[in-house]
C-alpha atoms as a PDB file:
ATOM      1  CA  MET A   1     -12.104  -8.219  -8.024  1.00  0.00           C
ATOM      2  CA  THR A   2      -9.334  -9.298  -5.686  1.00  0.00           C
ATOM      3  CA  SER A   3      -9.818 -12.681  -4.029  1.00  0.00           C
ATOM      4  CA  TYR A   4      -8.390 -13.731  -0.687  1.00  0.00           C
ATOM      5  CA  SER A   5      -9.229 -17.426  -0.900  1.00  0.00           C
ATOM      6  CA  LEU A   6      -6.437 -19.751   0.147  1.00  0.00           C
ATOM      7  CA  GLN A   7      -5.046 -23.011  -1.124  1.00  0.00           C
ATOM      8  CA  GLY A   8      -2.940 -24.703   1.523  1.00  0.00           C
ATOM      9  CA  PRO A   9      -2.756 -24.599   5.313  1.00  0.00           C
ATOM     10  CA  GLU A  10      -5.898 -23.737   7.280  1.00  0.00           C
ATOM     11  CA  SER A  11      -4.354 -22.404  10.477  1.00  0.00           C
ATOM     12  CA  VAL A  12      -1.045 -21.199  11.815  1.00  0.00           C
ATOM     13  CA  ARG A  13      -0.345 -21.556  15.531  1.00  0.00           C
ATOM     14  CA  PHE A  14       2.584 -19.763  17.123  1.00  0.00           C
ATOM     15  CA  GLN A  15       4.585 -21.864  19.551  1.00  0.00           C
ATOM     16  CA  SER A  16       7.770 -20.926  21.419  1.00  0.00           C
ATOM     17  CA  GLN A  17       8.279 -17.201  21.811  1.00  0.00           C
ATOM     18  CA  GLU A  18      11.279 -17.383  24.118  1.00  0.00           C
ATOM     19  CA  GLN A  19      13.385 -15.391  21.668  1.00  0.00           C
ATOM     20  CA  LEU A  20      11.134 -12.351  21.878  1.00  0.00           C
ATOM     21  CA  PRO A  21       8.872 -10.789  24.528  1.00  0.00           C
ATOM     22  CA  SER A  22       5.133 -11.114  23.922  1.00  0.00           C
ATOM     23  CA  SER A  23       4.945  -7.382  23.257  1.00  0.00           C
ATOM     24  CA  SER A  24       6.523  -8.098  19.849  1.00  0.00           C
ATOM     25  CA  PHE A  25       3.038  -9.050  18.658  1.00  0.00           C
ATOM     26  CA  THR A  26       1.214  -6.017  20.064  1.00  0.00           C
ATOM     27  CA  PHE A  27       1.443  -4.009  16.839  1.00  0.00           C
ATOM     28  CA  ILE A  28      -0.830  -6.515  15.081  1.00  0.00           C
ATOM     29  CA  PRO A  29      -4.450  -5.754  16.100  1.00  0.00           C
ATOM     30  CA  ASN A  30      -6.537  -8.746  17.118  1.00  0.00           C
ATOM     31  CA  GLY A  31      -8.871  -9.860  14.320  1.00  0.00           C
ATOM     32  CA  SER A  32      -6.927  -8.072  11.606  1.00  0.00           C
ATOM     33  CA  LEU A  33      -6.157  -9.475   8.180  1.00  0.00           C
ATOM     34  CA  VAL A  34      -2.445 -10.076   7.587  1.00  0.00           C
ATOM     35  CA  LYS A  35      -0.427 -11.267   4.628  1.00  0.00           C
ATOM     36  CA  GLY A  36       2.440 -13.754   4.566  1.00  0.00           C
ATOM     37  CA  VAL A  37       4.807 -15.412   2.110  1.00  0.00           C
ATOM     38  CA  VAL A  38       7.052 -18.494   2.266  1.00  0.00           C
ATOM     39  CA  LEU A  39      10.674 -17.358   1.857  1.00  0.00           C
ATOM     40  CA  GLU A  40      12.639 -20.600   2.047  1.00  0.00           C
ATOM     41  CA  ARG A  41      12.610 -24.196   3.194  1.00  0.00           C
ATOM     42  CA  GLN A  42      15.065 -25.426   5.832  1.00  0.00           C
ATOM     43  CA  GLY A  43      14.802 -29.184   6.226  1.00  0.00           C
ATOM     44  CA  ASP A  44      11.348 -29.960   7.611  1.00  0.00           C
ATOM     45  CA  SER A  45      10.646 -26.325   8.480  1.00  0.00           C
ATOM     46  CA  TYR A  46      10.225 -23.019   6.678  1.00  0.00           C
ATOM     47  CA  ILE A  47      11.141 -19.353   6.936  1.00  0.00           C
ATOM     48  CA  VAL A  48       8.154 -17.141   6.165  1.00  0.00           C
ATOM     49  CA  GLU A  49       7.494 -13.431   6.371  1.00  0.00           C
ATOM     50  CA  ILE A  50       4.400 -11.978   8.044  1.00  0.00           C
ATOM     51  CA  GLN A  51       3.872  -8.246   8.521  1.00  0.00           C
ATOM     52  CA  GLY A  52       7.468  -7.604   7.499  1.00  0.00           C
ATOM     53  CA  GLN A  53       8.899  -9.988  10.102  1.00  0.00           C
ATOM     54  CA  LYS A  54      10.759 -13.207   9.354  1.00  0.00           C
ATOM     55  CA  MET A  55       9.266 -16.132  11.251  1.00  0.00           C
ATOM     56  CA  HIS A  56      10.171 -19.784  11.646  1.00  0.00           C
ATOM     57  CA  ALA A  57       7.417 -22.275  10.792  1.00  0.00           C
ATOM     58  CA  THR A  58       6.915 -26.020  11.003  1.00  0.00           C
ATOM     59  CA  SER A  59       4.124 -27.512   8.944  1.00  0.00           C
ATOM     60  CA  SER A  60       2.268 -30.763   8.425  1.00  0.00           C
ATOM     61  CA  LEU A  61       1.655 -29.628   4.825  1.00  0.00           C
ATOM     62  CA  LYS A  62       4.094 -29.066   2.010  1.00  0.00           C
ATOM     63  CA  LEU A  63       4.573 -25.351   1.360  1.00  0.00           C
ATOM     64  CA  ASP A  64       6.135 -23.943  -1.777  1.00  0.00           C
ATOM     65  CA  VAL A  65       8.732 -21.178  -1.672  1.00  0.00           C
ATOM     66  CA  GLY A  66       7.035 -17.990  -2.841  1.00  0.00           C
ATOM     67  CA  GLU A  67       3.574 -19.203  -1.787  1.00  0.00           C
ATOM     68  CA  GLN A  68       1.492 -16.359  -0.356  1.00  0.00           C
ATOM     69  CA  PHE A  69      -1.213 -16.704   2.243  1.00  0.00           C
ATOM     70  CA  THR A  70      -3.661 -14.360   3.947  1.00  0.00           C
ATOM     71  CA  GLY A  71      -5.307 -14.925   7.306  1.00  0.00           C
ATOM     72  CA  ILE A  72      -6.935 -13.474  10.410  1.00  0.00           C
ATOM     73  CA  TRP A  73      -4.643 -12.713  13.360  1.00  0.00           C
ATOM     74  CA  ASP A  74      -6.171 -14.021  16.605  1.00  0.00           C
ATOM     75  CA  SER A  75      -4.261 -12.792  19.660  1.00  0.00           C
ATOM     76  CA  THR A  76      -6.867 -14.123  22.100  1.00  0.00           C
ATOM     77  CA  HIS A  77      -4.933 -17.399  21.923  1.00  0.00           C
ATOM     78  CA  VAL A  78      -1.652 -17.905  23.774  1.00  0.00           C
ATOM     79  CA  PRO A  79       0.408 -18.282  21.691  1.00  0.00           C
ATOM     80  CA  PRO A  80      -1.403 -16.378  18.868  1.00  0.00           C
ATOM     81  CA  LEU A  81      -3.168 -18.138  16.016  1.00  0.00           C
ATOM     82  CA  LEU A  82      -3.316 -17.195  12.354  1.00  0.00           C
ATOM     83  CA  LYS A  83      -6.633 -18.408  10.925  1.00  0.00           C
ATOM     84  CA  LEU A  84      -6.502 -19.249   7.253  1.00  0.00           C
ATOM     85  CA  LYS A  85      -9.731 -21.140   6.594  1.00  0.00           C
ATOM     86  CA  PRO A  86     -11.730 -19.654   3.700  1.00  0.00           C
ATOM     87  CA  GLU A  87     -14.835 -19.202   5.876  1.00  0.00           C
ATOM     88  CA  GLU A  88     -12.805 -17.241   8.431  1.00  0.00           C
ATOM     89  CA  ILE A  89     -11.713 -14.651   5.880  1.00  0.00           C
ATOM     90  CA  ALA A  90     -15.036 -14.686   4.037  1.00  0.00           C
ATOM     91  CA  ALA A  91     -16.015 -11.302   5.483  1.00  0.00           C
ATOM     92  CA  TYR A  92     -13.189  -9.685   3.537  1.00  0.00           C
ATOM     93  CA  GLU A  93     -14.124 -11.512   0.332  1.00  0.00           C
ATOM     94  CA  LYS A  94     -17.617  -9.978   0.563  1.00  0.00           C
ATOM     95  CA  LEU A  95     -16.257  -6.440   0.499  1.00  0.00           C
ATOM     96  CA  SER A  96     -16.928  -4.306  -2.557  1.00  0.00           C
ATOM     97  CA  GLU A  97     -14.289  -4.049  -5.277  1.00  0.00           C
ATOM     98  CA  PHE A  98     -13.604  -0.495  -4.094  1.00  0.00           C
ATOM     99  CA  GLU A  99     -12.996  -1.713  -0.516  1.00  0.00           C
ATOM    100  CA  GLN A 100     -10.914  -4.677  -1.638  1.00  0.00           C
ATOM    101  CA  SER A 101      -8.621  -2.262  -3.457  1.00  0.00           C
ATOM    102  CA  ILE A 102      -8.058  -0.593  -0.093  1.00  0.00           C
ATOM    103  CA  VAL A 103      -7.330  -3.976   1.509  1.00  0.00           C
ATOM    104  CA  SER A 104      -4.768  -4.774  -1.204  1.00  0.00           C
ATOM    105  CA  ALA A 105      -3.029  -1.415  -0.778  1.00  0.00           C
ATOM    106  CA  LEU A 106      -2.718  -1.946   2.987  1.00  0.00           C
ATOM    107  CA  LEU A 107      -1.463  -5.525   2.683  1.00  0.00           C
ATOM    108  CA  ASP A 108       1.049  -4.541  -0.002  1.00  0.00           C
ATOM    109  CA  ARG A 109       2.599  -2.191   2.562  1.00  0.00           C
ATOM    110  CA  HIS A 110       2.658  -4.919   5.245  1.00  0.00           C
ATOM    111  CA  LEU A 111       0.005  -3.158   7.309  1.00  0.00           C
ATOM    112  CA  ALA A 112      -2.554  -5.110   9.325  1.00  0.00           C
ATOM    113  CA  VAL A 113      -6.113  -4.747   8.003  1.00  0.00           C
ATOM    114  CA  THR A 114      -9.304  -4.459  10.026  1.00  0.00           C
ATOM    115  CA  GLU A 115     -12.838  -4.020   8.721  1.00  0.00           C
ATOM    116  CA  ASP A 116     -13.155  -0.785  10.711  1.00  0.00           C
ATOM    117  CA  LEU A 117     -10.021   0.607   9.063  1.00  0.00           C
ATOM    118  CA  VAL A 118     -11.232  -0.348   5.580  1.00  0.00           C
ATOM    119  CA  LYS A 119     -14.642   1.237   6.201  1.00  0.00           C
ATOM    120  CA  LYS A 120     -13.011   4.382   7.588  1.00  0.00           C
ATOM    121  CA  LEU A 121     -10.679   4.801   4.613  1.00  0.00           C
ATOM    122  CA  SER A 122     -13.520   4.036   2.208  1.00  0.00           C
ATOM    123  CA  SER A 123     -15.715   6.698   3.813  1.00  0.00           C
ATOM    124  CA  LEU A 124     -12.933   9.293   3.681  1.00  0.00           C
ATOM    125  CA  LEU A 125     -12.229   8.523   0.026  1.00  0.00           C
ATOM    126  CA  MET A 126     -15.910   8.885  -0.854  1.00  0.00           C
ATOM    127  CA  LYS A 127     -15.973  12.284   0.848  1.00  0.00           C
ATOM    128  CA  MET A 128     -13.087  13.228  -1.441  1.00  0.00           C
ATOM    129  CA  GLY A 129     -15.063  12.280  -4.534  1.00  0.00           C
ATOM    130  CA  GLY A 130     -14.138   8.583  -4.560  1.00  0.00           C
ATOM    131  CA  ASP A 131     -10.731   9.329  -6.061  1.00  0.00           C
ATOM    132  CA  MET A 132      -8.468   6.299  -5.374  1.00  0.00           C
ATOM    133  CA  GLY A 133      -5.529   8.545  -6.182  1.00  0.00           C
ATOM    134  CA  ASN A 134      -5.895   9.899  -2.641  1.00  0.00           C
ATOM    135  CA  LEU A 135      -5.443   6.459  -1.050  1.00  0.00           C
ATOM    136  CA  PRO A 136      -1.596   6.440  -0.977  1.00  0.00           C
ATOM    137  CA  ALA A 137      -1.570   9.735   0.935  1.00  0.00           C
ATOM    138  CA  LEU A 138      -4.201   8.467   3.391  1.00  0.00           C
ATOM    139  CA  ILE A 139      -2.161   5.330   4.067  1.00  0.00           C
ATOM    140  CA  GLU A 140       1.006   7.375   4.602  1.00  0.00           C
ATOM    141  CA  LEU A 141      -0.810   9.474   7.207  1.00  0.00           C
ATOM    142  CA  TYR A 142      -2.339   6.407   8.887  1.00  0.00           C
ATOM    143  CA  ALA A 143       1.028   4.604   9.122  1.00  0.00           C
ATOM    144  CA  ARG A 144       2.480   7.622  10.921  1.00  0.00           C
ATOM    145  CA  GLY A 145      -0.425   8.092  13.313  1.00  0.00           C
ATOM    146  CA  LEU A 146      -1.302  11.460  11.745  1.00  0.00           C
ATOM    147  CA  PRO A 147      -4.844  12.864  11.338  1.00  0.00           C
ATOM    148  CA  LEU A 148      -6.572  11.575   8.191  1.00  0.00           C
ATOM    149  CA  GLU A 149      -7.576  15.041   7.042  1.00  0.00           C
ATOM    150  CA  GLU A 150      -8.132  16.232   3.479  1.00  0.00           C
ATOM    151  CA  PRO A 151      -5.670  19.175   3.628  1.00  0.00           C
ATOM    152  CA  TYR A 152      -2.860  16.754   4.551  1.00  0.00           C
ATOM    153  CA  VAL A 153      -3.961  14.359   1.809  1.00  0.00           C
ATOM    154  CA  LYS A 154      -3.828  17.140  -0.775  1.00  0.00           C
ATOM    155  CA  ILE A 155      -0.343  18.233   0.344  1.00  0.00           C
ATOM    156  CA  LEU A 156       1.099  14.705   0.164  1.00  0.00           C
ATOM    157  CA  SER A 157      -0.620  13.917  -3.147  1.00  0.00           C
ATOM    158  CA  TRP A 158       0.966  17.063  -4.568  1.00  0.00           C
ATOM    159  CA  TYR A 159       4.360  16.032  -3.141  1.00  0.00           C
ATOM    160  CA  PHE A 160       4.116  12.582  -4.781  1.00  0.00           C
ATOM    161  CA  SER A 161       3.723  14.251  -8.189  1.00  0.00           C
ATOM    162  CA  LEU A 162       6.932  16.315  -7.981  1.00  0.00           C
ATOM    163  CA  THR A 163       9.708  15.869 -10.521  1.00  0.00           C
ATOM    164  CA  VAL A 164      13.422  15.827  -9.651  1.00  0.00           C
ATOM    165  CA  LYS A 165      13.743  19.307 -11.157  1.00  0.00           C
ATOM    166  CA  GLN A 166      10.995  20.648  -8.899  1.00  0.00           C
ATOM    167  CA  ILE A 167      12.492  18.994  -5.821  1.00  0.00           C
ATOM    168  CA  ASN A 168      15.854  20.625  -6.580  1.00  0.00           C
ATOM    169  CA  LYS A 169      14.133  23.992  -6.891  1.00  0.00           C
ATOM    170  CA  TYR A 170      12.125  23.764  -3.660  1.00  0.00           C
ATOM    171  CA  PHE A 171      14.991  22.312  -1.645  1.00  0.00           C
ATOM    172  CA  ARG A 172      17.308  25.144  -2.716  1.00  0.00           C
ATOM    173  CA  ALA A 173      14.663  27.630  -1.588  1.00  0.00           C
ATOM    174  CA  LEU A 174      14.381  25.797   1.735  1.00  0.00           C
ATOM    175  CA  LYS A 175      18.159  25.939   2.278  1.00  0.00           C
ATOM    176  CA  ASP A 176      18.186  29.669   1.528  1.00  0.00           C
ATOM    177  CA  LYS A 177      15.521  30.255   4.160  1.00  0.00           C
ATOM    178  CA  LEU A 178      17.448  28.145   6.671  1.00  0.00           C
ATOM    179  CA  LYS A 179      20.536  30.304   6.125  1.00  0.00           C
ATOM    180  CA  ASN A 180      18.492  33.396   6.957  1.00  0.00           C
ATOM    181  CA  LEU A 181      16.805  31.870  10.007  1.00  0.00           C
ATOM    182  CA  GLN A 182      17.605  34.229  12.889  1.00  0.00           C
ATOM    183  CA  ASP A 183      15.258  33.223  15.677  1.00  0.00           C
ATOM    184  CA  GLU A 184      12.290  30.992  16.478  1.00  0.00           C
ATOM    185  CA  LYS A 185       9.813  33.552  15.164  1.00  0.00           C
ATOM    186  CA  SER A 186      11.448  33.308  11.754  1.00  0.00           C
ATOM    187  CA  ILE A 187      10.176  29.727  11.447  1.00  0.00           C
ATOM    188  CA  GLU A 188       6.887  31.283  10.335  1.00  0.00           C
ATOM    189  CA  SER A 189       8.715  32.468   7.213  1.00  0.00           C
ATOM    190  CA  PHE A 190       8.812  28.893   5.928  1.00  0.00           C
ATOM    191  CA  PHE A 191       5.056  29.093   5.389  1.00  0.00           C
ATOM    192  CA  GLU A 192       4.944  32.574   3.899  1.00  0.00           C
ATOM    193  CA  GLY A 193       5.352  33.720   0.312  1.00  0.00           C
ATOM    194  CA  ASN A 194       5.477  31.042  -2.378  1.00  0.00           C
ATOM    195  CA  ALA A 195       2.602  28.585  -1.866  1.00  0.00           C
ATOM    196  CA  GLU A 196       4.410  25.641  -3.492  1.00  0.00           C
ATOM    197  CA  GLU A 197       7.563  26.146  -1.421  1.00  0.00           C
ATOM    198  CA  SER A 198       5.356  26.210   1.672  1.00  0.00           C
ATOM    199  CA  ALA A 199       3.624  22.991   0.570  1.00  0.00           C
ATOM    200  CA  TYR A 200       7.009  21.319   0.071  1.00  0.00           C
ATOM    201  CA  VAL A 201       8.070  22.158   3.636  1.00  0.00           C
ATOM    202  CA  LYS A 202       4.744  20.930   5.011  1.00  0.00           C
ATOM    203  CA  SER A 203       5.165  17.678   3.067  1.00  0.00           C
ATOM    204  CA  LEU A 204       8.594  17.095   4.601  1.00  0.00           C
ATOM    205  CA  LEU A 205       7.243  17.767   8.082  1.00  0.00           C
ATOM    206  CA  LEU A 206       4.490  15.176   7.567  1.00  0.00           C
ATOM    207  CA  LEU A 207       6.830  12.502   6.170  1.00  0.00           C
ATOM    208  CA  ALA A 208       9.394  13.192   8.900  1.00  0.00           C
ATOM    209  CA  ARG A 209       6.940  11.771  11.420  1.00  0.00           C
ATOM    210  CA  PRO A 210       8.136   8.191  12.074  1.00  0.00           C
ATOM    211  CA  LEU A 211       6.339   5.229  10.551  1.00  0.00           C
ATOM    212  CA  LYS A 212       5.082   3.321  13.594  1.00  0.00           C
ATOM    213  CA  ASN A 213       6.263  -0.291  14.003  1.00  0.00           C
ATOM    214  CA  VAL A 214       7.015  -0.563  10.280  1.00  0.00           C
ATOM    215  CA  ILE A 215       9.864  -3.015   9.695  1.00  0.00           C
ATOM    216  CA  PHE A 216       9.994  -2.588   5.918  1.00  0.00           C
ATOM    217  CA  PRO A 217       9.824   1.206   5.313  1.00  0.00           C
ATOM    218  CA  TYR A 218      10.663   1.030   1.594  1.00  0.00           C
ATOM    219  CA  ASN A 219       6.984   0.416   0.818  1.00  0.00           C
ATOM    220  CA  PHE A 220       6.279   3.985   1.946  1.00  0.00           C
ATOM    221  CA  ALA A 221       7.097   7.429   0.607  1.00  0.00           C
ATOM    222  CA  PRO A 222      10.529   8.814   1.552  1.00  0.00           C
ATOM    223  CA  LEU A 223      11.640  12.291   2.405  1.00  0.00           C
ATOM    224  CA  ILE A 224      13.491  13.498  -0.688  1.00  0.00           C
ATOM    225  CA  PHE A 225      16.377  15.961  -0.498  1.00  0.00           C
ATOM    226  CA  SER A 226      18.622  17.451  -3.145  1.00  0.00           C
ATOM    227  CA  LEU A 227      22.411  17.818  -2.857  1.00  0.00           C
ATOM    228  CA  GLU A 228      24.466  20.640  -4.353  1.00  0.00           C
ATOM    229  CA  ASP A 229      25.122  18.715  -7.565  1.00  0.00           C
ATOM    230  CA  GLY A 230      21.438  17.900  -8.023  1.00  0.00           C
ATOM    231  CA  LYS A 231      21.792  14.331  -6.750  1.00  0.00           C
ATOM    232  CA  ILE A 232      18.819  13.036  -4.772  1.00  0.00           C
ATOM    233  CA  VAL A 233      18.886  11.537  -1.272  1.00  0.00           C
ATOM    234  CA  SER A 234      15.868   9.483  -0.169  1.00  0.00           C
ATOM    235  CA  MET A 235      15.203   9.066   3.547  1.00  0.00           C
ATOM    236  CA  TRP A 236      12.742   7.053   5.655  1.00  0.00           C
ATOM    237  CA  VAL A 237      12.084   7.474   9.376  1.00  0.00           C
ATOM    238  CA  SER A 238      10.457   4.715  11.430  1.00  0.00           C
ATOM    239  CA  SER A 239      10.010   3.952  15.110  1.00  0.00           C
ATOM    240  CA  GLN A 240       9.503   0.816  17.166  1.00  0.00           C
ATOM    241  CA  GLU A 241       7.455   1.405  20.305  1.00  0.00           C
ATOM    242  CA  GLU A 242       7.789  -2.015  21.979  1.00  0.00           C
ATOM    243  CA  PRO A 243       9.472  -3.367  24.047  1.00  0.00           C
ATOM    244  CA  LYS A 244      11.173   0.046  24.163  1.00  0.00           C
ATOM    245  CA  LYS A 245      11.162   2.994  21.824  1.00  0.00           C
ATOM    246  CA  ILE A 246      13.765   2.880  19.060  1.00  0.00           C
ATOM    247  CA  VAL A 247      13.884   5.283  16.114  1.00  0.00           C
ATOM    248  CA  ARG A 248      15.441   4.249  12.784  1.00  0.00           C
ATOM    249  CA  LEU A 249      16.524   6.635  10.059  1.00  0.00           C
ATOM    250  CA  ILE A 250      17.422   5.096   6.690  1.00  0.00           C
ATOM    251  CA  PHE A 251      18.788   7.016   3.708  1.00  0.00           C
ATOM    252  CA  HIS A 252      19.712   6.111   0.132  1.00  0.00           C
ATOM    253  CA  PHE A 253      22.218   7.981  -1.984  1.00  0.00           C
ATOM    254  CA  LYS A 254      23.283   7.001  -5.495  1.00  0.00           C
ATOM    255  CA  GLY A 255      26.601   8.397  -6.680  1.00  0.00           C
ATOM    256  CA  ALA A 256      27.911   8.377 -10.239  1.00  0.00           C
ATOM    257  CA  ASN A 257      31.087   6.459  -9.293  1.00  0.00           C
ATOM    258  CA  ILE A 258      30.209   4.577  -6.117  1.00  0.00           C
ATOM    259  CA  GLY A 259      26.665   3.471  -6.930  1.00  0.00           C
ATOM    260  CA  LEU A 260      24.022   3.069  -4.265  1.00  0.00           C
ATOM    261  CA  ILE A 261      24.930   3.805  -0.638  1.00  0.00           C
ATOM    262  CA  GLU A 262      22.509   2.923   2.134  1.00  0.00           C
ATOM    263  CA  GLY A 263      22.865   4.349   5.612  1.00  0.00           C
ATOM    264  CA  GLU A 264      20.967   3.353   8.731  1.00  0.00           C
ATOM    265  CA  LEU A 265      20.979   5.263  12.021  1.00  0.00           C
ATOM    266  CA  VAL A 266      19.347   3.649  15.058  1.00  0.00           C
ATOM    267  CA  PHE A 267      18.591   5.894  18.043  1.00  0.00           C
ATOM    268  CA  ASP A 268      17.938   4.503  21.517  1.00  0.00           C
ATOM    269  CA  ALA A 269      17.553   7.051  24.334  1.00  0.00           C
ATOM    270  CA  ASP A 270      20.921   8.894  24.569  1.00  0.00           C
ATOM    271  CA  ALA A 271      22.898   6.671  22.182  1.00  0.00           C
ATOM    272  CA  TYR A 272      22.932   5.732  18.506  1.00  0.00           C
ATOM    273  CA  GLY A 273      24.497   3.342  16.041  1.00  0.00           C
ATOM    274  CA  VAL A 274      25.416   3.760  12.375  1.00  0.00           C
ATOM    275  CA  THR A 275      25.554   1.211   9.553  1.00  0.00           C
ATOM    276  CA  LEU A 276      26.724   2.041   6.033  1.00  0.00           C
ATOM    277  CA  ARG A 277      26.070  -0.390   3.197  1.00  0.00           C
ATOM    278  CA  SER A 278      27.096  -0.411  -0.464  1.00  0.00           C
ATOM    279  CA  ASN A 279      26.262  -2.709  -3.356  1.00  0.00           C
ATOM    280  CA  SER A 280      29.857  -3.700  -4.114  1.00  0.00           C
ATOM    281  CA  LYS A 281      32.900  -5.024  -2.255  1.00  0.00           C
ATOM    282  CA  VAL A 282      35.109  -2.399  -3.895  1.00  0.00           C
ATOM    283  CA  VAL A 283      33.067   0.463  -2.445  1.00  0.00           C
ATOM    284  CA  GLU A 284      32.913  -1.281   0.939  1.00  0.00           C
ATOM    285  CA  GLU A 285      36.719  -1.442   1.001  1.00  0.00           C
ATOM    286  CA  LEU A 286      36.888   2.236  -0.003  1.00  0.00           C
ATOM    287  CA  LEU A 287      34.597   3.187   2.875  1.00  0.00           C
ATOM    288  CA  SER A 288      36.621   1.086   5.300  1.00  0.00           C
ATOM    289  CA  LYS A 289      39.778   3.109   4.534  1.00  0.00           C
ATOM    290  CA  ASN A 290      38.022   6.218   5.859  1.00  0.00           C
ATOM    291  CA  LEU A 291      36.317   4.451   8.754  1.00  0.00           C
ATOM    292  CA  THR A 292      38.633   5.813  11.471  1.00  0.00           C
ATOM    293  CA  THR A 293      38.128   9.415  10.402  1.00  0.00           C
ATOM    294  CA  LEU A 294      34.357   8.941  10.188  1.00  0.00           C
ATOM    295  CA  LYS A 295      34.278   7.294  13.618  1.00  0.00           C
ATOM    296  CA  GLU A 296      36.205  10.185  15.172  1.00  0.00           C
ATOM    297  CA  THR A 297      33.769  12.673  13.612  1.00  0.00           C
ATOM    298  CA  LEU A 298      30.726  10.804  14.874  1.00  0.00           C
ATOM    299  CA  GLU A 299      32.200  10.405  18.350  1.00  0.00           C
ATOM    300  CA  SER A 300      32.671  14.186  18.576  1.00  0.00           C
ATOM    301  CA  LEU A 301      28.891  14.666  18.577  1.00  0.00           C
ATOM    302  CA  SER A 302      26.992  15.175  21.832  1.00  0.00           C
ATOM    303  CA  ILE A 303      25.090  11.870  21.500  1.00  0.00           C
ATOM    304  CA  ARG A 304      27.021   8.653  22.300  1.00  0.00           C
ATOM    305  CA  LEU A 305      28.063   6.415  19.389  1.00  0.00           C
ATOM    306  CA  ILE A 306      27.734   2.734  20.314  1.00  0.00           C
ATOM    307  CA  TYR A 307      28.639   1.166  16.964  1.00  0.00           C
ATOM    308  CA  LEU A 308      29.726   1.912  13.388  1.00  0.00           C
ATOM    309  CA  ASN A 309      29.338  -0.917  10.897  1.00  0.00           C
ATOM    310  CA  LEU A 310      29.984  -1.469   7.195  1.00  0.00           C
ATOM    311  CA  GLY A 311      28.310  -4.040   4.985  1.00  0.00           C
ATOM    312  CA  LEU A 312      26.753  -4.915   1.666  1.00  0.00           C
ATOM    313  CA  ILE A 313      23.221  -3.911   0.731  1.00  0.00           C
ATOM    314  CA  LYS A 314      20.741  -6.743   1.049  1.00  0.00           C
ATOM    315  CA  GLU A 315      17.011  -6.689   0.596  1.00  0.00           C
ATOM    316  CA  PRO A 316      15.813  -5.734   4.089  1.00  0.00           C
ATOM    317  CA  LYS A 317      13.703  -8.353   5.809  1.00  0.00           C
ATOM    318  CA  GLY A 318      12.551  -8.843   9.353  1.00  0.00           C
ATOM    319  CA  VAL A 319      14.985  -8.893  12.229  1.00  0.00           C
ATOM    320  CA  ALA A 320      13.100 -11.380  14.393  1.00  0.00           C
ATOM    321  CA  TYR A 321      12.444 -15.094  14.203  1.00  0.00           C
ATOM    322  CA  LEU A 322       9.251 -16.377  15.804  1.00  0.00           C
ATOM    323  CA  GLY A 323       8.198 -20.020  15.946  1.00  0.00           C
ATOM    324  CA  PHE A 324       4.792 -21.254  14.802  1.00  0.00           C
ATOM    325  CA  ASP A 325       3.178 -24.377  13.440  1.00  0.00           C
ATOM    326  CA  VAL A 326       1.060 -24.688  10.304  1.00  0.00           C
ATOM    327  CA  LYS A 327      -1.761 -27.191  10.652  1.00  0.00           C
ATOM    328  CA  ALA A 328      -4.152 -28.654   8.095  1.00  0.00           C
END
């Protein structure tokens, strides 16, 4: 049985938030269980990660790099408080082993946990025969704000089981139908005929819905496409609602000669920016030689290009630094 007892600090109080508007915290429900980890020490302070965001912490206790902690998010305080006392998270320790497995799955994906959410997911799983194999699909739907309905769960669970060979097959069929698409009424043809091809299209439509306020999308299932040579492209779509709506599209492509390429498109109203990253300096220099041509192509599109960047792939972390204090 998973345990959420803590050794270390008992409370975390957030201090200066001048760097970010208060709405940056709105995606964490009050009273929810959140997970954090100490990333590094900087003098007398620390960099930690909570809910996928990097945060700056000062502490009266010594914290070890890599130390994980779990606590209750209390937004009734200004600034917010993260409660870490064992008695304050005792309610989650009393959950059944089945329910604690749900808690672990949510925290592993950097999602905030509430008792109501755990009970809801537990009830839905029991209605589906208690099969924990359905939990990943339920979480994918929840993170996108989609209905937690069994038909959607079945479609995504089927999608997760596909092999590369099957993906190549279904994606080729999808491209053939797109070539023959004549008018809006023909869209119905995507859901006619072969049941598995139809399920593949429905899976893509579900996963194309943006992950809401998810900073670290790699913990979730990607859209998977196949290129002409059988190579696979993985893609994640996420959106940030506050302080204004921004949509991010991230894709991964692994070539035989150039290795892994990561692309990130950020859309804001009528403009967008593009960042391309590789895992080697050699490939970065190769991309830079074709940067002018790529920029001209992107600028020819109807939507305004505001930046085009190149860089090296790094493990994605949070983009914001928030100050808080850890107290014994």
